[in-house]
Amino acid sequence: QVQLVESGGGLVQPGGSLRLSCTASGLRFSIYTMAWYRQAPGKQRELVARILSGGSRDYADFVKGRFTISRDNAKSTLSLQMNSLKPEDTAVYYCYVEIGVWGQGTQVTVSS
């Protein structure tokens, strides 16, 4: 059974930073594309960033230069370093693996 468990969300002031983590189990982590999505209240879920098995990365335009996605295949862990956070980054952030499994989500709130 594949499981993804996110952690690291919370409340942060505008301009601050947070680091999200996603620990995977039940799969051969290293061979899959992993991604972070987010969903704000009243909006559709959207792709934030993804990282391929070989390490190539793609980012949504709205996070380029601020967020960094990374993976540690030895620890089956996906991370998202978020810097220069804005109120519009407030959302539930989800970890996703290309076989169609989602994590439970972690809330990120950017507010003064």
PDB file of N, CA and C in Angstrom:
ATOM      1  N   GLN A   1       0.844  -1.189   0.000  1.00  0.00           N
ATOM      2  CA  GLN A   1       0.000   0.000   0.000  1.00  0.00           C
ATOM      3  C   GLN A   1       0.884   1.245   0.000  1.00  0.00           C
ATOM      4  N   VAL A   2       0.636   2.100  -0.989  1.00  0.00           N
ATOM      5  CA  VAL A   2       1.425   3.321  -1.110  1.00  0.00           C
ATOM      6  C   VAL A   2       0.865   4.393  -0.180  1.00  0.00           C
ATOM      7  N   GLN A   3       1.744   5.030   0.563  1.00  0.00           N
ATOM      8  CA  GLN A   3       1.325   6.127   1.446  1.00  0.00           C
ATOM      9  C   GLN A   3       2.278   7.298   1.298  1.00  0.00           C
ATOM     10  N   LEU A   4       1.696   8.493   1.335  1.00  0.00           N
ATOM     11  CA  LEU A   4       2.461   9.738   1.316  1.00  0.00           C
ATOM     12  C   LEU A   4       2.029  10.556   2.522  1.00  0.00           C
ATOM     13  N   VAL A   5       2.981  10.982   3.335  1.00  0.00           N
ATOM     14  CA  VAL A   5       2.665  11.737   4.536  1.00  0.00           C
ATOM     15  C   VAL A   5       3.436  13.055   4.521  1.00  0.00           C
ATOM     16  N   GLU A   6       2.671  14.164   4.465  1.00  0.00           N
ATOM     17  CA  GLU A   6       3.282  15.489   4.446  1.00  0.00           C
ATOM     18  C   GLU A   6       3.457  16.040   5.854  1.00  0.00           C
ATOM     19  N   SER A   7       4.405  16.940   5.991  1.00  0.00           N
ATOM     20  CA  SER A   7       4.610  17.660   7.245  1.00  0.00           C
ATOM     21  C   SER A   7       5.276  18.995   6.933  1.00  0.00           C
ATOM     22  N   GLY A   8       5.260  19.898   7.931  1.00  0.00           N
ATOM     23  CA  GLY A   8       5.994  21.147   7.783  1.00  0.00           C
ATOM     24  C   GLY A   8       5.160  22.374   7.524  1.00  0.00           C
ATOM     25  N   GLY A   9       3.859  22.223   7.364  1.00  0.00           N
ATOM     26  CA  GLY A   9       3.017  23.389   7.153  1.00  0.00           C
ATOM     27  C   GLY A   9       2.880  24.216   8.417  1.00  0.00           C
ATOM     28  N   GLY A  10       2.232  25.367   8.276  1.00  0.00           N
ATOM     29  CA  GLY A  10       2.018  26.216   9.442  1.00  0.00           C
ATOM     30  C   GLY A  10       1.695  27.634   9.043  1.00  0.00           C
ATOM     31  N   LEU A  11       1.758  28.514  10.034  1.00  0.00           N
ATOM     32  CA  LEU A  11       1.479  29.937   9.843  1.00  0.00           C
ATOM     33  C   LEU A  11       2.806  30.694   9.755  1.00  0.00           C
ATOM     34  N   VAL A  12       2.934  31.536   8.743  1.00  0.00           N
ATOM     35  CA  VAL A  12       4.158  32.305   8.557  1.00  0.00           C
ATOM     36  C   VAL A  12       3.793  33.698   8.068  1.00  0.00           C
ATOM     37  N   GLN A  13       4.617  34.669   8.405  1.00  0.00           N
ATOM     38  CA  GLN A  13       4.369  36.041   7.957  1.00  0.00           C
ATOM     39  C   GLN A  13       4.813  36.215   6.507  1.00  0.00           C
ATOM     40  N   PRO A  14       4.226  37.170   5.805  1.00  0.00           N
ATOM     41  CA  PRO A  14       4.681  37.460   4.436  1.00  0.00           C
ATOM     42  C   PRO A  14       6.186  37.720   4.400  1.00  0.00           C
ATOM     43  N   GLY A  15       6.835  37.155   3.404  1.00  0.00           N
ATOM     44  CA  GLY A  15       8.282  37.256   3.287  1.00  0.00           C
ATOM     45  C   GLY A  15       9.036  36.156   3.997  1.00  0.00           C
ATOM     46  N   GLY A  16       8.332  35.351   4.781  1.00  0.00           N
ATOM     47  CA  GLY A  16       8.960  34.272   5.531  1.00  0.00           C
ATOM     48  C   GLY A  16       9.174  33.012   4.700  1.00  0.00           C
ATOM     49  N   SER A  17       9.662  31.974   5.374  1.00  0.00           N
ATOM     50  CA  SER A  17       9.986  30.711   4.720  1.00  0.00           C
ATOM     51  C   SER A  17       9.380  29.534   5.476  1.00  0.00           C
ATOM     52  N   LEU A  18       9.121  28.478   4.733  1.00  0.00           N
ATOM     53  CA  LEU A  18       8.696  27.197   5.288  1.00  0.00           C
ATOM     54  C   LEU A  18       9.301  26.091   4.439  1.00  0.00           C
ATOM     55  N   ARG A  19       9.494  24.940   5.063  1.00  0.00           N
ATOM     56  CA  ARG A  19       9.962  23.770   4.323  1.00  0.00           C
ATOM     57  C   ARG A  19       8.976  22.634   4.543  1.00  0.00           C
ATOM     58  N   LEU A  20       8.402  22.155   3.456  1.00  0.00           N
ATOM     59  CA  LEU A  20       7.495  21.021   3.513  1.00  0.00           C
ATOM     60  C   LEU A  20       8.248  19.735   3.196  1.00  0.00           C
ATOM     61  N   SER A  21       7.816  18.675   3.847  1.00  0.00           N
ATOM     62  CA  SER A  21       8.388  17.354   3.568  1.00  0.00           C
ATOM     63  C   SER A  21       7.283  16.355   3.296  1.00  0.00           C
ATOM     64  N   CYS A  22       7.603  15.356   2.511  1.00  0.00           N
ATOM     65  CA  CYS A  22       6.671  14.262   2.195  1.00  0.00           C
ATOM     66  C   CYS A  22       7.459  12.961   2.241  1.00  0.00           C
ATOM     67  N   THR A  23       7.038  12.094   3.127  1.00  0.00           N
ATOM     68  CA  THR A  23       7.696  10.793   3.256  1.00  0.00           C
ATOM     69  C   THR A  23       6.832   9.731   2.603  1.00  0.00           C
ATOM     70  N   ALA A  24       7.428   8.977   1.698  1.00  0.00           N
ATOM     71  CA  ALA A  24       6.704   7.961   0.953  1.00  0.00           C
ATOM     72  C   ALA A  24       7.039   6.570   1.461  1.00  0.00           C
ATOM     73  N   SER A  25       6.060   5.673   1.360  1.00  0.00           N
ATOM     74  CA  SER A  25       6.279   4.280   1.711  1.00  0.00           C
ATOM     75  C   SER A  25       5.461   3.403   0.768  1.00  0.00           C
ATOM     76  N   GLY A  26       5.895   2.162   0.641  1.00  0.00           N
ATOM     77  CA  GLY A  26       5.143   1.216  -0.172  1.00  0.00           C
ATOM     78  C   GLY A  26       5.401   1.289  -1.661  1.00  0.00           C
ATOM     79  N   LEU A  27       6.442   2.000  -2.064  1.00  0.00           N
ATOM     80  CA  LEU A  27       6.763   2.095  -3.476  1.00  0.00           C
ATOM     81  C   LEU A  27       8.261   2.282  -3.659  1.00  0.00           C
ATOM     82  N   ARG A  28       8.699   2.018  -4.891  1.00  0.00           N
ATOM     83  CA  ARG A  28      10.102   2.231  -5.233  1.00  0.00           C
ATOM     84  C   ARG A  28      10.274   3.699  -5.602  1.00  0.00           C
ATOM     85  N   PHE A  29      10.452   4.499  -4.600  1.00  0.00           N
ATOM     86  CA  PHE A  29      10.390   5.961  -4.678  1.00  0.00           C
ATOM     87  C   PHE A  29      11.241   6.527  -5.809  1.00  0.00           C
ATOM     88  N   SER A  30      12.429   5.997  -5.957  1.00  0.00           N
ATOM     89  CA  SER A  30      13.415   6.623  -6.845  1.00  0.00           C
ATOM     90  C   SER A  30      13.027   6.624  -8.311  1.00  0.00           C
ATOM     91  N   ILE A  31      12.093   5.774  -8.731  1.00  0.00           N
ATOM     92  CA  ILE A  31      11.817   5.656 -10.164  1.00  0.00           C
ATOM     93  C   ILE A  31      10.641   6.526 -10.624  1.00  0.00           C
ATOM     94  N   TYR A  32       9.986   7.195  -9.675  1.00  0.00           N
ATOM     95  CA  TYR A  32       8.775   7.933 -10.018  1.00  0.00           C
ATOM     96  C   TYR A  32       8.960   9.447 -10.012  1.00  0.00           C
ATOM     97  N   THR A  33       8.197  10.102 -10.896  1.00  0.00           N
ATOM     98  CA  THR A  33       8.054  11.544 -10.831  1.00  0.00           C
ATOM     99  C   THR A  33       7.201  11.893  -9.621  1.00  0.00           C
ATOM    100  N   MET A  34       7.677  12.880  -8.850  1.00  0.00           N
ATOM    101  CA  MET A  34       6.966  13.353  -7.664  1.00  0.00           C
ATOM    102  C   MET A  34       6.603  14.821  -7.869  1.00  0.00           C
ATOM    103  N   ALA A  35       5.568  15.249  -7.190  1.00  0.00           N
ATOM    104  CA  ALA A  35       5.134  16.629  -7.385  1.00  0.00           C
ATOM    105  C   ALA A  35       4.477  17.184  -6.124  1.00  0.00           C
ATOM    106  N   TRP A  36       4.437  18.500  -6.066  1.00  0.00           N
ATOM    107  CA  TRP A  36       3.671  19.235  -5.060  1.00  0.00           C
ATOM    108  C   TRP A  36       2.554  19.984  -5.790  1.00  0.00           C
ATOM    109  N   TYR A  37       1.345  19.864  -5.260  1.00  0.00           N
ATOM    110  CA  TYR A  37       0.196  20.627  -5.716  1.00  0.00           C
ATOM    111  C   TYR A  37      -0.305  21.463  -4.536  1.00  0.00           C
ATOM    112  N   ARG A  38      -1.167  22.413  -4.855  1.00  0.00           N
ATOM    113  CA  ARG A  38      -1.811  23.169  -3.789  1.00  0.00           C
ATOM    114  C   ARG A  38      -3.246  23.498  -4.183  1.00  0.00           C
ATOM    115  N   GLN A  39      -4.062  23.707  -3.163  1.00  0.00           N
ATOM    116  CA  GLN A  39      -5.453  24.084  -3.386  1.00  0.00           C
ATOM    117  C   GLN A  39      -5.860  25.133  -2.368  1.00  0.00           C
ATOM    118  N   ALA A  40      -6.195  26.305  -2.876  1.00  0.00           N
ATOM    119  CA  ALA A  40      -6.684  27.380  -2.027  1.00  0.00           C
ATOM    120  C   ALA A  40      -8.206  27.292  -1.932  1.00  0.00           C
ATOM    121  N   PRO A  41      -8.796  27.872  -0.888  1.00  0.00           N
ATOM    122  CA  PRO A  41     -10.253  27.820  -0.734  1.00  0.00           C
ATOM    123  C   PRO A  41     -10.968  28.364  -1.969  1.00  0.00           C
ATOM    124  N   GLY A  42     -11.922  27.599  -2.486  1.00  0.00           N
ATOM    125  CA  GLY A  42     -12.698  28.037  -3.628  1.00  0.00           C
ATOM    126  C   GLY A  42     -12.000  27.952  -4.966  1.00  0.00           C
ATOM    127  N   LYS A  43     -10.800  27.382  -4.979  1.00  0.00           N
ATOM    128  CA  LYS A  43     -10.041  27.282  -6.225  1.00  0.00           C
ATOM    129  C   LYS A  43      -9.714  25.834  -6.546  1.00  0.00           C
ATOM    130  N   GLN A  44      -9.348  25.597  -7.807  1.00  0.00           N
ATOM    131  CA  GLN A  44      -8.962  24.258  -8.208  1.00  0.00           C
ATOM    132  C   GLN A  44      -7.544  23.930  -7.730  1.00  0.00           C
ATOM    133  N   ARG A  45      -7.296  22.657  -7.581  1.00  0.00           N
ATOM    134  CA  ARG A  45      -5.954  22.212  -7.235  1.00  0.00           C
ATOM    135  C   ARG A  45      -5.020  22.510  -8.416  1.00  0.00           C
ATOM    136  N   GLU A  46      -3.827  23.013  -8.100  1.00  0.00           N
ATOM    137  CA  GLU A  46      -2.893  23.387  -9.156  1.00  0.00           C
ATOM    138  C   GLU A  46      -1.493  22.855  -8.877  1.00  0.00           C
ATOM    139  N   LEU A  47      -0.774  22.587  -9.954  1.00  0.00           N
ATOM    140  CA  LEU A  47       0.593  22.099  -9.834  1.00  0.00           C
ATOM    141  C   LEU A  47       1.512  23.229  -9.383  1.00  0.00           C
ATOM    142  N   VAL A  48       2.336  22.936  -8.389  1.00  0.00           N
ATOM    143  CA  VAL A  48       3.317  23.901  -7.896  1.00  0.00           C
ATOM    144  C   VAL A  48       4.688  23.597  -8.494  1.00  0.00           C
ATOM    145  N   ALA A  49       5.109  22.335  -8.372  1.00  0.00           N
ATOM    146  CA  ALA A  49       6.416  21.929  -8.874  1.00  0.00           C
ATOM    147  C   ALA A  49       6.446  20.423  -8.986  1.00  0.00           C
ATOM    148  N   ARG A  50       7.305  19.922  -9.867  1.00  0.00           N
ATOM    149  CA  ARG A  50       7.489  18.490  -9.979  1.00  0.00           C
ATOM    150  C   ARG A  50       8.961  18.201 -10.211  1.00  0.00           C
ATOM    151  N   ILE A  51       9.352  16.987  -9.846  1.00  0.00           N
ATOM    152  CA  ILE A  51      10.727  16.550 -10.027  1.00  0.00           C
ATOM    153  C   ILE A  51      10.706  15.133 -10.586  1.00  0.00           C
ATOM    154  N   LEU A  52      11.407  14.936 -11.694  1.00  0.00           N
ATOM    155  CA  LEU A  52      11.435  13.642 -12.335  1.00  0.00           C
ATOM    156  C   LEU A  52      12.424  12.716 -11.636  1.00  0.00           C
ATOM    157  N   SER A  53      12.370  11.452 -11.980  1.00  0.00           N
ATOM    158  CA  SER A  53      13.245  10.481 -11.340  1.00  0.00           C
ATOM    159  C   SER A  53      14.720  10.825 -11.548  1.00  0.00           C
ATOM    160  N   GLY A  54      15.026  11.430 -12.684  1.00  0.00           N
ATOM    161  CA  GLY A  54      16.405  11.791 -12.975  1.00  0.00           C
ATOM    162  C   GLY A  54      16.846  13.097 -12.348  1.00  0.00           C
ATOM    163  N   GLY A  55      15.900  13.798 -11.729  1.00  0.00           N
ATOM    164  CA  GLY A  55      16.241  15.034 -11.029  1.00  0.00           C
ATOM    165  C   GLY A  55      15.821  16.305 -11.737  1.00  0.00           C
ATOM    166  N   SER A  56      15.331  16.228 -12.981  1.00  0.00           N
ATOM    167  CA  SER A  56      14.859  17.430 -13.675  1.00  0.00           C
ATOM    168  C   SER A  56      13.662  18.009 -12.940  1.00  0.00           C
ATOM    169  N   ARG A  57      13.574  19.331 -12.953  1.00  0.00           N
ATOM    170  CA  ARG A  57      12.528  20.026 -12.180  1.00  0.00           C
ATOM    171  C   ARG A  57      11.737  20.988 -13.051  1.00  0.00           C
ATOM    172  N   ASP A  58      10.457  21.097 -12.762  1.00  0.00           N
ATOM    173  CA  ASP A  58       9.584  22.077 -13.397  1.00  0.00           C
ATOM    174  C   ASP A  58       8.860  22.847 -12.310  1.00  0.00           C
ATOM    175  N   TYR A  59       8.643  24.140 -12.562  1.00  0.00           N
ATOM    176  CA  TYR A  59       7.952  24.978 -11.591  1.00  0.00           C
ATOM    177  C   TYR A  59       6.825  25.756 -12.261  1.00  0.00           C
ATOM    178  N   ALA A  60       5.764  25.986 -11.520  1.00  0.00           N
ATOM    179  CA  ALA A  60       4.744  26.914 -11.970  1.00  0.00           C
ATOM    180  C   ALA A  60       5.339  28.317 -11.975  1.00  0.00           C
ATOM    181  N   ASP A  61       4.874  29.139 -12.900  1.00  0.00           N
ATOM    182  CA  ASP A  61       5.427  30.493 -13.008  1.00  0.00           C
ATOM    183  C   ASP A  61       5.299  31.273 -11.706  1.00  0.00           C
ATOM    184  N   PHE A  62       4.217  31.031 -10.968  1.00  0.00           N
ATOM    185  CA  PHE A  62       3.971  31.840  -9.774  1.00  0.00           C
ATOM    186  C   PHE A  62       4.908  31.506  -8.610  1.00  0.00           C
ATOM    187  N   VAL A  63       5.740  30.452  -8.733  1.00  0.00           N
ATOM    188  CA  VAL A  63       6.686  30.141  -7.658  1.00  0.00           C
ATOM    189  C   VAL A  63       8.145  30.155  -8.111  1.00  0.00           C
ATOM    190  N   LYS A  64       8.371  30.373  -9.388  1.00  0.00           N
ATOM    191  CA  LYS A  64       9.741  30.364  -9.894  1.00  0.00           C
ATOM    192  C   LYS A  64      10.597  31.402  -9.178  1.00  0.00           C
ATOM    193  N   GLY A  65      11.770  30.963  -8.744  1.00  0.00           N
ATOM    194  CA  GLY A  65      12.680  31.849  -8.041  1.00  0.00           C
ATOM    195  C   GLY A  65      12.429  31.933  -6.558  1.00  0.00           C
ATOM    196  N   ARG A  66      11.318  31.364  -6.085  1.00  0.00           N
ATOM    197  CA  ARG A  66      10.987  31.412  -4.654  1.00  0.00           C
ATOM    198  C   ARG A  66      10.956  30.026  -4.022  1.00  0.00           C
ATOM    199  N   PHE A  67      10.477  29.047  -4.760  1.00  0.00           N
ATOM    200  CA  PHE A  67      10.342  27.685  -4.225  1.00  0.00           C
ATOM    201  C   PHE A  67      11.372  26.776  -4.875  1.00  0.00           C
ATOM    202  N   THR A  68      11.813  25.759  -4.111  1.00  0.00           N
ATOM    203  CA  THR A  68      12.732  24.756  -4.639  1.00  0.00           C
ATOM    204  C   THR A  68      12.247  23.370  -4.242  1.00  0.00           C
ATOM    205  N   ILE A  69      12.056  22.523  -5.243  1.00  0.00           N
ATOM    206  CA  ILE A  69      11.665  21.131  -4.981  1.00  0.00           C
ATOM    207  C   ILE A  69      12.912  20.262  -5.006  1.00  0.00           C
ATOM    208  N   SER A  70      12.946  19.272  -4.107  1.00  0.00           N
ATOM    209  CA  SER A  70      14.086  18.364  -4.070  1.00  0.00           C
ATOM    210  C   SER A  70      13.624  16.997  -3.594  1.00  0.00           C
ATOM    211  N   ARG A  71      14.471  16.019  -3.807  1.00  0.00           N
ATOM    212  CA  ARG A  71      14.142  14.662  -3.367  1.00  0.00           C
ATOM    213  C   ARG A  71      15.384  13.981  -2.804  1.00  0.00           C
ATOM    214  N   ASP A  72      15.149  13.101  -1.830  1.00  0.00           N
ATOM    215  CA  ASP A  72      16.202  12.268  -1.259  1.00  0.00           C
ATOM    216  C   ASP A  72      15.747  10.827  -1.457  1.00  0.00           C
ATOM    217  N   ASN A  73      16.265  10.201  -2.496  1.00  0.00           N
ATOM    218  CA  ASN A  73      15.804   8.855  -2.824  1.00  0.00           C
ATOM    219  C   ASN A  73      16.186   7.837  -1.741  1.00  0.00           C
ATOM    220  N   ALA A  74      17.289   8.056  -1.070  1.00  0.00           N
ATOM    221  CA  ALA A  74      17.714   7.129  -0.006  1.00  0.00           C
ATOM    222  C   ALA A  74      16.732   7.133   1.160  1.00  0.00           C
ATOM    223  N   LYS A  75      16.067   8.289   1.358  1.00  0.00           N
ATOM    224  CA  LYS A  75      15.118   8.406   2.479  1.00  0.00           C
ATOM    225  C   LYS A  75      13.663   8.415   2.001  1.00  0.00           C
ATOM    226  N   SER A  76      13.457   8.240   0.690  1.00  0.00           N
ATOM    227  CA  SER A  76      12.096   8.273   0.121  1.00  0.00           C
ATOM    228  C   SER A  76      11.350   9.525   0.545  1.00  0.00           C
ATOM    229  N   THR A  77      12.038  10.648   0.438  1.00  0.00           N
ATOM    230  CA  THR A  77      11.481  11.919   0.907  1.00  0.00           C
ATOM    231  C   THR A  77      11.513  12.966  -0.189  1.00  0.00           C
ATOM    232  N   LEU A  78      10.399  13.671  -0.296  1.00  0.00           N
ATOM    233  CA  LEU A  78      10.252  14.804  -1.203  1.00  0.00           C
ATOM    234  C   LEU A  78      10.155  16.066  -0.357  1.00  0.00           C
ATOM    235  N   SER A  79      10.802  17.143  -0.790  1.00  0.00           N
ATOM    236  CA  SER A  79      10.774  18.390  -0.028  1.00  0.00           C
ATOM    237  C   SER A  79      10.391  19.565  -0.913  1.00  0.00           C
ATOM    238  N   LEU A  80       9.892  20.603  -0.262  1.00  0.00           N
ATOM    239  CA  LEU A  80       9.601  21.860  -0.953  1.00  0.00           C
ATOM    240  C   LEU A  80      10.055  22.997  -0.045  1.00  0.00           C
ATOM    241  N   GLN A  81      11.107  23.675  -0.430  1.00  0.00           N
ATOM    242  CA  GLN A  81      11.576  24.844   0.293  1.00  0.00           C
ATOM    243  C   GLN A  81      10.874  26.061  -0.277  1.00  0.00           C
ATOM    244  N   MET A  82      10.154  26.775   0.578  1.00  0.00           N
ATOM    245  CA  MET A  82       9.360  27.917   0.140  1.00  0.00           C
ATOM    246  C   MET A  82       9.904  29.181   0.802  1.00  0.00           C
ATOM    247  N   ASN A  83      10.394  30.091  -0.009  1.00  0.00           N
ATOM    248  CA  ASN A  83      10.931  31.360   0.468  1.00  0.00           C
ATOM    249  C   ASN A  83      10.097  32.525  -0.065  1.00  0.00           C
ATOM    250  N   SER A  84      10.270  33.676   0.533  1.00  0.00           N
ATOM    251  CA  SER A  84       9.568  34.886   0.097  1.00  0.00           C
ATOM    252  C   SER A  84       8.073  34.638  -0.058  1.00  0.00           C
ATOM    253  N   LEU A  85       7.506  34.018   0.957  1.00  0.00           N
ATOM    254  CA  LEU A  85       6.091  33.639   0.888  1.00  0.00           C
ATOM    255  C   LEU A  85       5.179  34.858   0.843  1.00  0.00           C
ATOM    256  N   LYS A  86       4.082  34.688   0.099  1.00  0.00           N
ATOM    257  CA  LYS A  86       3.091  35.744  -0.096  1.00  0.00           C
ATOM    258  C   LYS A  86       1.739  35.260   0.434  1.00  0.00           C
ATOM    259  N   PRO A  87       0.851  36.185   0.791  1.00  0.00           N
ATOM    260  CA  PRO A  87      -0.479  35.755   1.240  1.00  0.00           C
ATOM    261  C   PRO A  87      -1.190  34.857   0.219  1.00  0.00           C
ATOM    262  N   GLU A  88      -0.949  35.094  -1.056  1.00  0.00           N
ATOM    263  CA  GLU A  88      -1.601  34.276  -2.078  1.00  0.00           C
ATOM    264  C   GLU A  88      -1.046  32.855  -2.175  1.00  0.00           C
ATOM    265  N   ASP A  89       0.011  32.567  -1.418  1.00  0.00           N
ATOM    266  CA  ASP A  89       0.517  31.192  -1.333  1.00  0.00           C
ATOM    267  C   ASP A  89      -0.266  30.361  -0.311  1.00  0.00           C
ATOM    268  N   THR A  90      -1.174  30.999   0.406  1.00  0.00           N
ATOM    269  CA  THR A  90      -1.992  30.292   1.388  1.00  0.00           C
ATOM    270  C   THR A  90      -2.834  29.221   0.706  1.00  0.00           C
ATOM    271  N   ALA A  91      -2.690  27.981   1.163  1.00  0.00           N
ATOM    272  CA  ALA A  91      -3.380  26.847   0.544  1.00  0.00           C
ATOM    273  C   ALA A  91      -3.057  25.583   1.324  1.00  0.00           C
ATOM    274  N   VAL A  92      -3.761  24.524   0.982  1.00  0.00           N
ATOM    275  CA  VAL A  92      -3.357  23.190   1.429  1.00  0.00           C
ATOM    276  C   VAL A  92      -2.423  22.635   0.363  1.00  0.00           C
ATOM    277  N   TYR A  93      -1.267  22.182   0.794  1.00  0.00           N
ATOM    278  CA  TYR A  93      -0.253  21.654  -0.115  1.00  0.00           C
ATOM    279  C   TYR A  93      -0.257  20.134  -0.042  1.00  0.00           C
ATOM    280  N   TYR A  94      -0.269  19.518  -1.239  1.00  0.00           N
ATOM    281  CA  TYR A  94      -0.361  18.066  -1.350  1.00  0.00           C
ATOM    282  C   TYR A  94       0.857  17.500  -2.063  1.00  0.00           C
ATOM    283  N   CYS A  95       1.309  16.396  -1.572  1.00  0.00           N
ATOM    284  CA  CYS A  95       2.345  15.598  -2.213  1.00  0.00           C
ATOM    285  C   CYS A  95       1.655  14.613  -3.166  1.00  0.00           C
ATOM    286  N   TYR A  96       2.284  14.347  -4.315  1.00  0.00           N
ATOM    287  CA  TYR A  96       1.660  13.485  -5.320  1.00  0.00           C
ATOM    288  C   TYR A  96       2.723  12.643  -6.017  1.00  0.00           C
ATOM    289  N   VAL A  97       2.393  11.390  -6.261  1.00  0.00           N
ATOM    290  CA  VAL A  97       3.268  10.508  -7.031  1.00  0.00           C
ATOM    291  C   VAL A  97       2.541  10.112  -8.311  1.00  0.00           C
ATOM    292  N   GLU A  98       3.266   9.979  -9.388  1.00  0.00           N
ATOM    293  CA  GLU A  98       2.680   9.853 -10.723  1.00  0.00           C
ATOM    294  C   GLU A  98       1.794   8.637 -10.916  1.00  0.00           C
ATOM    295  N   ILE A  99       1.815   7.680  -9.995  1.00  0.00           N
ATOM    296  CA  ILE A  99       0.913   6.529 -10.105  1.00  0.00           C
ATOM    297  C   ILE A  99      -0.482   6.872  -9.607  1.00  0.00           C
ATOM    298  N   GLY A 100      -0.682   8.125  -9.199  1.00  0.00           N
ATOM    299  CA  GLY A 100      -2.020   8.569  -8.846  1.00  0.00           C
ATOM    300  C   GLY A 100      -2.362   8.571  -7.375  1.00  0.00           C
ATOM    301  N   VAL A 101      -1.356   8.640  -6.528  1.00  0.00           N
ATOM    302  CA  VAL A 101      -1.582   8.658  -5.086  1.00  0.00           C
ATOM    303  C   VAL A 101      -1.275  10.047  -4.519  1.00  0.00           C
ATOM    304  N   TRP A 102      -2.170  10.500  -3.625  1.00  0.00           N
ATOM    305  CA  TRP A 102      -2.035  11.801  -2.980  1.00  0.00           C
ATOM    306  C   TRP A 102      -1.764  11.644  -1.494  1.00  0.00           C
ATOM    307  N   GLY A 103      -1.052  12.611  -0.940  1.00  0.00           N
ATOM    308  CA  GLY A 103      -0.966  12.703   0.503  1.00  0.00           C
ATOM    309  C   GLY A 103      -2.216  13.350   1.058  1.00  0.00           C
ATOM    310  N   GLN A 104      -2.256  13.499   2.396  1.00  0.00           N
ATOM    311  CA  GLN A 104      -3.441  14.047   3.042  1.00  0.00           C
ATOM    312  C   GLN A 104      -3.464  15.565   3.021  1.00  0.00           C
ATOM    313  N   GLY A 105      -2.331  16.178   2.717  1.00  0.00           N
ATOM    314  CA  GLY A 105      -2.242  17.625   2.642  1.00  0.00           C
ATOM    315  C   GLY A 105      -1.753  18.257   3.924  1.00  0.00           C
ATOM    316  N   THR A 106      -1.112  19.404   3.787  1.00  0.00           N
ATOM    317  CA  THR A 106      -0.664  20.181   4.940  1.00  0.00           C
ATOM    318  C   THR A 106      -0.982  21.648   4.681  1.00  0.00           C
ATOM    319  N   GLN A 107      -1.538  22.310   5.689  1.00  0.00           N
ATOM    320  CA  GLN A 107      -1.999  23.688   5.534  1.00  0.00           C
ATOM    321  C   GLN A 107      -0.819  24.661   5.646  1.00  0.00           C
ATOM    322  N   VAL A 108      -0.748  25.570   4.691  1.00  0.00           N
ATOM    323  CA  VAL A 108       0.207  26.675   4.743  1.00  0.00           C
ATOM    324  C   VAL A 108      -0.603  27.969   4.739  1.00  0.00           C
ATOM    325  N   THR A 109      -0.389  28.793   5.756  1.00  0.00           N
ATOM    326  CA  THR A 109      -1.086  30.065   5.858  1.00  0.00           C
ATOM    327  C   THR A 109      -0.054  31.187   5.962  1.00  0.00           C
ATOM    328  N   VAL A 110      -0.158  32.131   5.038  1.00  0.00           N
ATOM    329  CA  VAL A 110       0.764  33.270   5.013  1.00  0.00           C
ATOM    330  C   VAL A 110      -0.036  34.517   5.374  1.00  0.00           C
ATOM    331  N   SER A 111       0.235  35.040   6.557  1.00  0.00           N
ATOM    332  CA  SER A 111      -0.557  36.164   7.044  1.00  0.00           C
ATOM    333  C   SER A 111       0.214  36.908   8.121  1.00  0.00           C
ATOM    334  N   SER A 112      -0.025  38.213   8.181  1.00  0.00           N
ATOM    335  CA  SER A 112       0.580  39.011   9.244  1.00  0.00           C
ATOM    336  C   SER A 112      -0.359  39.130  10.434  1.00  0.00           C
TER     337      SER A 112
END
